[in-house]
Protein backbone atom coordinates (compact mmCIF):
# COMPACT_ATOMS: atom_id res chain seq x y z
CA MET A 1 0.00 0.00 0.00
CA GLU A 2 3.01 2.32 0.51
CA LEU A 3 3.37 3.05 -3.18
CA ALA A 4 -0.33 2.99 -4.06
CA ALA A 5 -1.93 5.90 -5.91
CA ARG A 6 -3.61 8.68 -3.91
CA ASP A 7 -7.12 7.54 -4.75
CA VAL A 8 -6.40 3.95 -3.66
CA THR A 9 -4.79 5.09 -0.41
CA SER A 10 -7.57 7.58 0.37
CA ARG A 11 -10.27 4.99 -0.34
CA ALA A 12 -8.50 2.46 1.93
CA GLU A 13 -8.22 5.04 4.73
CA ALA A 14 -11.89 5.99 4.37
CA THR A 15 -12.94 2.33 4.43
CA GLU A 16 -10.92 1.62 7.58
CA ILE A 17 -12.44 4.63 9.34
CA ALA A 18 -16.00 3.90 8.15
CA GLU A 19 -15.79 0.27 9.25
CA GLY A 20 -14.73 1.27 12.76
CA ARG A 21 -11.04 0.44 12.55
CA GLY A 22 -9.94 4.06 12.76
CA ILE A 23 -8.90 5.99 15.84
CA GLU A 24 -10.90 9.15 16.51
CA GLY A 25 -11.73 9.58 12.79
CA ASN A 26 -8.18 8.81 11.66
CA VAL A 27 -5.90 5.95 10.77
CA LEU A 28 -2.30 5.81 11.92
CA LEU A 29 0.51 6.39 9.45
CA ASP A 30 3.46 4.41 10.79
CA LEU A 31 6.76 5.23 9.09
CA ARG A 32 9.06 4.02 11.86
CA HIS A 33 10.19 1.05 9.77
CA LEU A 34 11.85 3.50 7.35
CA GLY A 35 14.26 4.62 10.05
CA PRO A 36 15.33 8.12 11.08
CA ASP A 37 17.73 8.65 8.14
CA VAL A 38 15.09 8.06 5.48
CA ILE A 39 12.39 10.04 7.28
CA LEU A 40 14.64 13.04 7.96
CA LYS A 41 16.23 13.05 4.48
CA LYS A 42 13.26 12.21 2.26
CA LEU A 43 10.34 13.51 4.33
CA PRO A 44 11.70 16.53 6.22
CA GLN A 45 8.69 18.76 5.62
CA ILE A 46 6.17 16.11 6.67
CA HIS A 47 8.27 15.32 9.74
CA GLU A 48 8.40 19.01 10.65
CA MET A 49 4.65 19.47 10.14
CA ALA A 50 3.87 16.47 12.39
CA LEU A 51 6.10 17.99 15.07
CA ASP A 52 4.75 21.54 14.70
CA TYR A 53 1.04 20.79 14.36
CA LEU A 54 0.60 17.56 16.28
CA GLY A 55 3.59 17.43 18.57
CA ILE A 56 4.39 13.98 17.19
CA ASP A 57 7.85 12.87 16.12
CA MET A 58 7.11 10.42 13.31
CA VAL A 59 10.56 8.89 13.78
CA LYS A 60 9.29 7.55 17.13
CA ASP A 61 5.47 7.42 16.83
CA PRO A 62 2.72 6.86 14.24
CA VAL A 63 0.88 9.95 12.98
CA PRO A 64 -2.93 10.15 12.76
CA VAL A 65 -4.07 10.88 9.17
CA ARG A 66 -7.34 10.90 7.24
CA PRO A 67 -8.28 11.33 3.60
CA GLY A 68 -8.48 14.89 2.36
CA MET A 69 -9.21 16.55 -0.95
CA HIS A 70 -6.36 18.55 -2.41
CA TYR A 71 -7.65 19.07 -5.94
CA GLN A 72 -11.10 19.42 -7.44
CA MET A 73 -11.43 18.03 -10.93
CA GLY A 74 -13.83 20.64 -12.24
CA GLY A 75 -17.53 20.94 -12.40
CA ILE A 76 -18.21 23.12 -15.45
CA LYS A 77 -18.63 20.85 -18.46
CA THR A 78 -16.40 21.99 -21.32
CA ASP A 79 -15.14 20.67 -24.59
CA VAL A 80 -11.40 20.46 -25.32
CA GLU A 81 -11.44 24.15 -26.33
CA GLY A 82 -12.87 25.20 -22.97
CA ALA A 83 -16.27 26.11 -24.43
CA THR A 84 -19.26 25.60 -22.14
CA PRO A 85 -22.90 25.17 -23.17
CA VAL A 86 -23.30 28.93 -22.57
CA PRO A 87 -22.17 30.80 -25.72
CA GLY A 88 -19.16 32.99 -24.99
CA LEU A 89 -18.40 31.39 -21.61
CA TYR A 90 -15.12 29.48 -21.42
CA ALA A 91 -13.48 27.63 -18.54
CA ALA A 92 -10.07 26.08 -17.93
CA GLY A 93 -7.97 24.67 -15.11
CA GLU A 94 -9.41 23.39 -11.87
CA VAL A 95 -12.90 24.75 -12.54
CA ALA A 96 -13.26 23.01 -15.92
CA CYS A 97 -14.39 19.44 -16.44
CA VAL A 98 -12.64 18.56 -19.70
CA SER A 99 -12.85 14.84 -18.84
CA VAL A 100 -9.42 13.93 -20.19
CA HIS A 101 -8.48 12.10 -16.97
CA GLY A 102 -11.62 10.16 -16.25
CA GLY A 103 -12.09 9.76 -12.50
CA ASN A 104 -8.44 10.04 -11.49
CA ARG A 105 -5.92 12.72 -12.44
CA LEU A 106 -2.33 11.59 -12.17
CA GLY A 107 -0.01 13.59 -9.93
CA ALA A 108 1.51 16.77 -11.41
CA ASN A 109 -0.95 16.92 -14.32
CA SER A 110 -2.97 19.86 -12.94
CA LEU A 111 -0.34 22.41 -14.01
CA LEU A 112 -0.21 20.81 -17.43
CA ASP A 113 -4.01 20.97 -17.67
CA THR A 114 -4.05 24.63 -16.71
CA ILE A 115 -1.36 25.57 -19.23
CA VAL A 116 -2.63 23.49 -22.15
CA PHE A 117 -6.35 24.07 -21.74
CA GLY A 118 -5.91 27.63 -20.50
CA ARG A 119 -4.06 28.49 -23.69
CA ARG A 120 -6.57 26.69 -25.89
CA SER A 121 -9.53 28.29 -24.10
CA GLY A 122 -7.91 31.71 -24.20
CA LYS A 123 -7.31 31.56 -27.96
CA VAL A 124 -10.84 30.36 -28.71
CA ALA A 125 -12.42 32.88 -26.29
CA ALA A 126 -10.40 35.73 -27.86
CA ALA A 127 -11.50 34.68 -31.34
CA TYR A 128 -15.11 34.47 -30.17
CA ALA A 129 -14.94 37.94 -28.62
CA LYS A 130 -13.26 39.40 -31.70
CA ASN A 131 -15.84 37.93 -34.09
CA THR A 132 -18.95 38.62 -32.00
CA PRO A 133 -20.52 42.02 -32.63
CA GLN A 134 -21.12 44.02 -29.50
CA ALA A 135 -24.77 44.68 -28.81
CA PRO A 136 -25.69 48.41 -28.97
CA ALA A 137 -26.96 48.38 -25.36
CA VAL A 138 -23.65 46.93 -24.15
CA ARG A 139 -21.69 49.52 -26.18
CA ARG A 140 -23.72 52.37 -24.64
CA SER A 141 -23.25 50.89 -21.18
CA CYS A 142 -19.47 50.65 -21.69
CA GLU A 143 -19.26 54.25 -22.92
CA ALA A 144 -21.33 55.45 -19.95
CA SER A 145 -19.07 53.50 -17.58
CA LYS A 146 -15.98 55.12 -19.11
CA ASN A 147 -17.51 58.56 -18.59
CA ASP A 148 -18.53 57.76 -15.00
CA TYR A 149 -15.05 56.43 -14.28
CA ALA A 150 -13.38 59.50 -15.77
CA ASN A 151 -15.62 61.81 -13.72
CA CYS A 152 -14.87 59.95 -10.49
CA TRP A 153 -11.10 59.73 -10.97
CA PRO A 154 -9.32 62.50 -9.00
CA VAL A 155 -6.51 63.02 -11.53
CA ARG A 156 -6.52 63.35 -15.29
CA ILE A 157 -6.32 59.94 -16.98
CA PRO A 158 -3.53 60.10 -19.57
CA ALA A 159 -4.06 58.85 -23.12
CA LYS A 160 -1.37 56.24 -22.50
CA PRO A 161 -1.80 54.46 -19.17
CA THR A 162 1.84 54.92 -18.11
CA GLN A 163 2.11 58.56 -19.25
CA GLY A 164 2.36 60.86 -16.25
CA CYS A 165 1.90 58.11 -13.65
CA ALA A 166 4.90 59.06 -11.55
CA SER A 167 3.86 62.69 -11.24
CA ASN A 168 0.28 61.66 -10.33
CA TRP A 169 1.56 59.30 -7.62
CA GLN A 170 3.84 61.96 -6.20
CA ARG A 171 0.97 64.37 -5.50
């Protein structure tokens, strides 16, 4: 079980707890057989956290653990371009359910998902925005917002955003 995947380990922990073999809602993680050298060299952060948060030295004693979620595999249904059933709404990363992993994402693939599908979604969303005419009511609303913003801003807004910034900040 030591080298089992996260989902297998979490399911085994949950089963042990649910069937009454846990201890106060936990199971005990016993790493003492690894010895102090392995624990301190390969698991220094986990060792330190057990000491800091639980007051347990895992070199000498088992540590109570329980399954926990560290990553949500999306809920918004998307295609591989990040498009949702709502026209013009795109999603990527942890919020998107692209369904390329099935029920179990392998470790370290979340960054890859975010980069690959974020880029794909961004390109498609930009193309959609560029090719979709803006409704007249939205255009009027945007122009009104610009005027409201300009009237509320205490200093003159330069034509180029960076033009005159330093002198405005120094006032």
